[in-house]
Amino acid sequence: MSTLPAVAPVAEVEPGVLPHVRARGVEHVFKHVLASVPRLFPSFRSLHVGIRPDVADDELLFIVFEARVPLADVPDHAGARRLWGDDFLMAYPPPRLEHFVLHLKREEE
């Protein structure tokens, strides 16, 4: 019996994200962040990317990357977020006009 190779999850990007990042001139940052999730969290289970308004100001938008990872693979949540933050800063140093956010959701096996 043959075994199929493991297939990496595919990112689900909401329809309005690409036009938004292109219009705002941050497509290169978006592509970097999109590629960084599997590089930094190789066991991620899913990645969803969308644009969300601030709860207090509808005109302030956040490009939100929601990655689901096994809890056992990311025991240090704060350290994992710092790792992502350091990588993000290299790709998009200040001053920044767009807001990128990582929601790292750790799940039990």
N, C-alpha and C. Protein backbone atom coordinates (compact mmCIF):
# COMPACT_ATOMS: atom_id res chain seq x y z
N MET A 1 0.84 -1.18 0.00
CA MET A 1 0.00 0.00 0.00
C MET A 1 0.89 1.24 0.00
N SER A 2 0.65 2.18 -0.90
CA SER A 2 1.47 3.38 -0.97
C SER A 2 0.91 4.46 -0.05
N THR A 3 1.81 5.27 0.40
CA THR A 3 1.42 6.37 1.28
C THR A 3 1.52 7.67 0.50
N LEU A 4 0.48 8.48 0.59
CA LEU A 4 0.50 9.77 -0.07
C LEU A 4 1.36 10.74 0.72
N PRO A 5 2.10 11.61 0.03
CA PRO A 5 2.90 12.59 0.77
C PRO A 5 1.99 13.58 1.49
N ALA A 6 2.49 14.09 2.60
CA ALA A 6 1.73 15.10 3.34
C ALA A 6 1.61 16.36 2.50
N VAL A 7 0.45 16.96 2.53
CA VAL A 7 0.19 18.17 1.77
C VAL A 7 0.08 19.33 2.76
N ALA A 8 0.86 20.36 2.51
CA ALA A 8 0.82 21.53 3.40
C ALA A 8 -0.51 22.25 3.24
N PRO A 9 -1.02 22.80 4.31
CA PRO A 9 -2.26 23.57 4.21
C PRO A 9 -2.09 24.77 3.28
N VAL A 10 -3.16 25.17 2.69
CA VAL A 10 -3.16 26.33 1.80
C VAL A 10 -3.78 27.50 2.54
N ALA A 11 -3.22 28.67 2.34
CA ALA A 11 -3.77 29.86 2.98
C ALA A 11 -5.09 30.24 2.32
N GLU A 12 -6.04 30.61 3.14
CA GLU A 12 -7.32 31.12 2.66
C GLU A 12 -7.27 32.64 2.79
N VAL A 13 -7.25 33.32 1.64
CA VAL A 13 -7.16 34.77 1.62
C VAL A 13 -8.49 35.33 1.15
N GLU A 14 -9.11 36.16 1.97
CA GLU A 14 -10.39 36.75 1.60
C GLU A 14 -10.24 37.61 0.34
N PRO A 15 -11.30 37.69 -0.48
CA PRO A 15 -11.22 38.37 -1.78
C PRO A 15 -10.73 39.82 -1.75
N GLY A 16 -11.03 40.58 -0.74
CA GLY A 16 -10.64 41.99 -0.73
C GLY A 16 -9.21 42.27 -0.32
N VAL A 17 -8.49 41.25 0.15
CA VAL A 17 -7.15 41.48 0.70
C VAL A 17 -6.16 41.91 -0.39
N LEU A 18 -6.06 41.15 -1.47
CA LEU A 18 -5.07 41.48 -2.50
C LEU A 18 -5.29 42.85 -3.12
N PRO A 19 -6.51 43.22 -3.50
CA PRO A 19 -6.70 44.58 -4.02
C PRO A 19 -6.30 45.66 -2.99
N HIS A 20 -6.58 45.39 -1.71
CA HIS A 20 -6.24 46.35 -0.67
C HIS A 20 -4.73 46.53 -0.55
N VAL A 21 -3.98 45.43 -0.46
CA VAL A 21 -2.53 45.55 -0.27
C VAL A 21 -1.87 46.15 -1.52
N ARG A 22 -2.41 45.84 -2.69
CA ARG A 22 -1.87 46.44 -3.92
C ARG A 22 -2.12 47.95 -3.93
N ALA A 23 -3.33 48.35 -3.60
CA ALA A 23 -3.69 49.77 -3.61
C ALA A 23 -2.88 50.55 -2.59
N ARG A 24 -2.52 49.91 -1.49
CA ARG A 24 -1.79 50.59 -0.41
C ARG A 24 -0.27 50.47 -0.57
N GLY A 25 0.19 49.76 -1.61
CA GLY A 25 1.63 49.65 -1.87
C GLY A 25 2.39 48.74 -0.93
N VAL A 26 1.70 47.75 -0.34
CA VAL A 26 2.37 46.85 0.61
C VAL A 26 2.25 45.38 0.19
N GLU A 27 2.10 45.16 -1.10
CA GLU A 27 1.98 43.78 -1.58
C GLU A 27 3.24 42.97 -1.23
N HIS A 28 4.41 43.60 -1.30
CA HIS A 28 5.65 42.90 -0.97
C HIS A 28 5.67 42.47 0.50
N VAL A 29 5.13 43.30 1.37
CA VAL A 29 5.06 42.95 2.79
C VAL A 29 4.07 41.80 2.99
N PHE A 30 2.92 41.91 2.34
CA PHE A 30 1.91 40.86 2.42
C PHE A 30 2.50 39.51 1.99
N LYS A 31 3.20 39.49 0.86
CA LYS A 31 3.80 38.24 0.37
C LYS A 31 4.84 37.70 1.35
N HIS A 32 5.61 38.60 1.95
CA HIS A 32 6.61 38.16 2.93
C HIS A 32 5.93 37.52 4.14
N VAL A 33 4.92 38.18 4.67
CA VAL A 33 4.23 37.65 5.84
C VAL A 33 3.53 36.34 5.51
N LEU A 34 2.92 36.26 4.33
CA LEU A 34 2.26 35.02 3.91
C LEU A 34 3.26 33.87 3.85
N ALA A 35 4.45 34.13 3.35
CA ALA A 35 5.49 33.09 3.26
C ALA A 35 6.12 32.80 4.62
N SER A 36 6.08 33.76 5.54
CA SER A 36 6.74 33.56 6.83
C SER A 36 6.00 32.58 7.73
N VAL A 37 4.69 32.48 7.60
CA VAL A 37 3.94 31.59 8.50
C VAL A 37 4.40 30.14 8.34
N PRO A 38 4.43 29.56 7.14
CA PRO A 38 4.92 28.18 7.04
C PRO A 38 6.40 28.04 7.37
N ARG A 39 7.16 29.09 7.17
CA ARG A 39 8.59 29.04 7.49
C ARG A 39 8.80 29.06 9.00
N LEU A 40 8.07 29.92 9.70
CA LEU A 40 8.23 30.04 11.15
C LEU A 40 7.45 28.98 11.93
N PHE A 41 6.33 28.54 11.36
CA PHE A 41 5.45 27.56 12.01
C PHE A 41 5.16 26.43 11.03
N PRO A 42 6.14 25.57 10.75
CA PRO A 42 5.98 24.56 9.70
C PRO A 42 4.84 23.57 9.92
N SER A 43 4.39 23.42 11.14
CA SER A 43 3.30 22.46 11.39
C SER A 43 1.93 23.14 11.43
N PHE A 44 1.85 24.38 10.91
CA PHE A 44 0.56 25.09 10.98
C PHE A 44 -0.52 24.26 10.29
N ARG A 45 -1.73 24.35 10.81
CA ARG A 45 -2.85 23.57 10.28
C ARG A 45 -3.69 24.36 9.30
N SER A 46 -3.80 25.65 9.53
CA SER A 46 -4.57 26.49 8.62
C SER A 46 -4.11 27.93 8.77
N LEU A 47 -4.36 28.70 7.72
CA LEU A 47 -4.04 30.12 7.73
C LEU A 47 -5.15 30.85 7.01
N HIS A 48 -5.75 31.79 7.70
CA HIS A 48 -6.83 32.60 7.13
C HIS A 48 -6.37 34.06 7.18
N VAL A 49 -6.53 34.77 6.06
CA VAL A 49 -6.12 36.17 6.00
C VAL A 49 -7.32 37.01 5.61
N GLY A 50 -7.56 38.06 6.39
CA GLY A 50 -8.67 38.95 6.10
C GLY A 50 -8.36 40.36 6.55
N ILE A 51 -9.25 41.26 6.25
CA ILE A 51 -9.12 42.65 6.68
C ILE A 51 -10.22 42.91 7.69
N ARG A 52 -9.82 43.46 8.84
CA ARG A 52 -10.78 43.72 9.91
C ARG A 52 -10.66 45.18 10.35
N PRO A 53 -11.79 45.84 10.57
CA PRO A 53 -11.74 47.21 11.09
C PRO A 53 -11.48 47.21 12.59
N ASP A 54 -10.93 48.29 13.05
CA ASP A 54 -10.75 48.51 14.48
C ASP A 54 -12.12 48.60 15.14
N VAL A 55 -12.24 48.12 16.36
CA VAL A 55 -13.55 48.13 17.02
C VAL A 55 -14.04 49.55 17.31
N ALA A 56 -13.13 50.50 17.47
CA ALA A 56 -13.53 51.87 17.80
C ALA A 56 -13.51 52.81 16.59
N ASP A 57 -12.83 52.40 15.51
CA ASP A 57 -12.67 53.28 14.35
C ASP A 57 -12.75 52.44 13.08
N ASP A 58 -13.89 52.48 12.40
CA ASP A 58 -14.11 51.67 11.20
C ASP A 58 -13.14 52.00 10.06
N GLU A 59 -12.53 53.17 10.11
CA GLU A 59 -11.62 53.56 9.04
C GLU A 59 -10.21 53.01 9.25
N LEU A 60 -9.91 52.54 10.45
CA LEU A 60 -8.61 51.93 10.76
C LEU A 60 -8.72 50.43 10.48
N LEU A 61 -7.96 49.96 9.49
CA LEU A 61 -8.06 48.58 9.05
C LEU A 61 -6.81 47.80 9.42
N PHE A 62 -7.00 46.52 9.73
CA PHE A 62 -5.92 45.61 10.06
C PHE A 62 -5.93 44.44 9.08
N ILE A 63 -4.77 44.09 8.57
CA ILE A 63 -4.62 42.89 7.76
C ILE A 63 -4.27 41.79 8.76
N VAL A 64 -5.22 40.87 8.95
CA VAL A 64 -5.11 39.88 10.02
C VAL A 64 -4.79 38.51 9.45
N PHE A 65 -3.71 37.93 9.97
CA PHE A 65 -3.29 36.57 9.63
C PHE A 65 -3.63 35.71 10.83
N GLU A 66 -4.56 34.77 10.65
CA GLU A 66 -4.94 33.87 11.74
C GLU A 66 -4.40 32.49 11.42
N ALA A 67 -3.37 32.09 12.16
CA ALA A 67 -2.72 30.80 11.95
C ALA A 67 -3.08 29.86 13.08
N ARG A 68 -3.45 28.66 12.72
CA ARG A 68 -3.75 27.62 13.71
C ARG A 68 -2.59 26.63 13.71
N VAL A 69 -2.03 26.40 14.91
CA VAL A 69 -0.87 25.53 15.06
C VAL A 69 -1.11 24.57 16.22
N PRO A 70 -0.49 23.38 16.15
CA PRO A 70 -0.61 22.46 17.27
C PRO A 70 0.03 23.04 18.53
N LEU A 71 -0.63 22.95 19.64
CA LEU A 71 -0.15 23.46 20.91
C LEU A 71 1.24 22.91 21.24
N ALA A 72 1.45 21.63 21.00
CA ALA A 72 2.72 21.00 21.33
C ALA A 72 3.88 21.56 20.51
N ASP A 73 3.61 22.08 19.33
CA ASP A 73 4.67 22.61 18.47
C ASP A 73 5.03 24.05 18.80
N VAL A 74 4.19 24.75 19.54
CA VAL A 74 4.46 26.14 19.90
C VAL A 74 4.16 26.29 21.41
N PRO A 75 5.04 25.73 22.26
CA PRO A 75 4.78 25.81 23.69
C PRO A 75 4.95 27.22 24.26
N ASP A 76 5.78 28.03 23.62
CA ASP A 76 6.04 29.39 24.11
C ASP A 76 5.33 30.38 23.18
N HIS A 77 4.09 30.71 23.52
CA HIS A 77 3.28 31.59 22.68
C HIS A 77 3.92 32.96 22.52
N ALA A 78 4.37 33.56 23.61
CA ALA A 78 4.98 34.89 23.55
C ALA A 78 6.26 34.86 22.72
N GLY A 79 7.06 33.84 22.87
CA GLY A 79 8.29 33.71 22.09
C GLY A 79 8.00 33.55 20.61
N ALA A 80 6.97 32.79 20.29
CA ALA A 80 6.58 32.59 18.88
C ALA A 80 6.11 33.90 18.27
N ARG A 81 5.36 34.67 19.02
CA ARG A 81 4.89 35.97 18.51
C ARG A 81 6.05 36.95 18.33
N ARG A 82 7.03 36.90 19.25
CA ARG A 82 8.21 37.76 19.09
C ARG A 82 9.00 37.36 17.84
N LEU A 83 9.12 36.07 17.61
CA LEU A 83 9.80 35.57 16.41
C LEU A 83 9.13 36.13 15.16
N TRP A 84 7.81 36.05 15.11
CA TRP A 84 7.07 36.59 13.97
C TRP A 84 7.26 38.10 13.90
N GLY A 85 7.19 38.78 15.02
CA GLY A 85 7.34 40.23 15.05
C GLY A 85 8.70 40.68 14.55
N ASP A 86 9.75 39.98 14.95
CA ASP A 86 11.10 40.32 14.48
C ASP A 86 11.21 40.14 12.97
N ASP A 87 10.64 39.05 12.47
CA ASP A 87 10.66 38.79 11.03
C ASP A 87 9.86 39.87 10.29
N PHE A 88 8.72 40.25 10.83
CA PHE A 88 7.88 41.28 10.23
C PHE A 88 8.61 42.63 10.18
N LEU A 89 9.30 42.98 11.26
CA LEU A 89 10.02 44.25 11.31
C LEU A 89 11.11 44.34 10.25
N MET A 90 11.74 43.22 9.94
CA MET A 90 12.75 43.22 8.88
C MET A 90 12.10 43.49 7.52
N ALA A 91 10.90 42.97 7.33
CA ALA A 91 10.21 43.14 6.05
C ALA A 91 9.53 44.50 5.93
N TYR A 92 9.13 45.08 7.05
CA TYR A 92 8.35 46.32 7.01
C TYR A 92 8.76 47.22 8.18
N PRO A 93 9.96 47.83 8.06
CA PRO A 93 10.42 48.69 9.16
C PRO A 93 9.61 49.98 9.24
N PRO A 94 9.65 50.64 10.38
CA PRO A 94 8.95 51.91 10.52
C PRO A 94 9.54 52.95 9.57
N PRO A 95 8.80 53.95 9.20
CA PRO A 95 7.41 54.20 9.56
C PRO A 95 6.48 53.32 8.73
N ARG A 96 5.39 52.89 9.34
CA ARG A 96 4.42 52.02 8.69
C ARG A 96 3.10 52.74 8.55
N LEU A 97 2.44 52.52 7.42
CA LEU A 97 1.12 53.10 7.20
C LEU A 97 0.03 52.04 7.27
N GLU A 98 0.41 50.78 7.16
CA GLU A 98 -0.55 49.68 7.21
C GLU A 98 -0.30 48.84 8.45
N HIS A 99 -1.35 48.18 8.91
CA HIS A 99 -1.28 47.40 10.15
C HIS A 99 -1.46 45.92 9.83
N PHE A 100 -0.44 45.13 10.15
CA PHE A 100 -0.47 43.68 9.98
C PHE A 100 -0.50 43.06 11.37
N VAL A 101 -1.34 42.04 11.54
CA VAL A 101 -1.52 41.40 12.84
C VAL A 101 -1.47 39.90 12.66
N LEU A 102 -0.81 39.21 13.59
CA LEU A 102 -0.83 37.76 13.63
C LEU A 102 -1.65 37.32 14.83
N HIS A 103 -2.67 36.50 14.56
CA HIS A 103 -3.39 35.82 15.64
C HIS A 103 -2.93 34.37 15.57
N LEU A 104 -2.16 33.97 16.55
CA LEU A 104 -1.62 32.62 16.60
C LEU A 104 -2.53 31.80 17.51
N LYS A 105 -3.28 30.91 16.92
CA LYS A 105 -4.24 30.09 17.67
C LYS A 105 -3.62 28.70 17.89
N ARG A 106 -3.33 28.39 19.15
CA ARG A 106 -2.77 27.09 19.46
C ARG A 106 -3.89 26.11 19.79
N GLU A 107 -3.84 24.95 19.16
CA GLU A 107 -4.90 23.95 19.34
C GLU A 107 -4.33 22.65 19.86
N GLU A 108 -5.13 21.95 20.65
CA GLU A 108 -4.78 20.62 21.11
C GLU A 108 -4.77 19.66 19.92
N GLU A 109 -4.01 18.61 20.03
CA GLU A 109 -3.95 17.57 18.97
C GLU A 109 -5.30 16.95 18.75
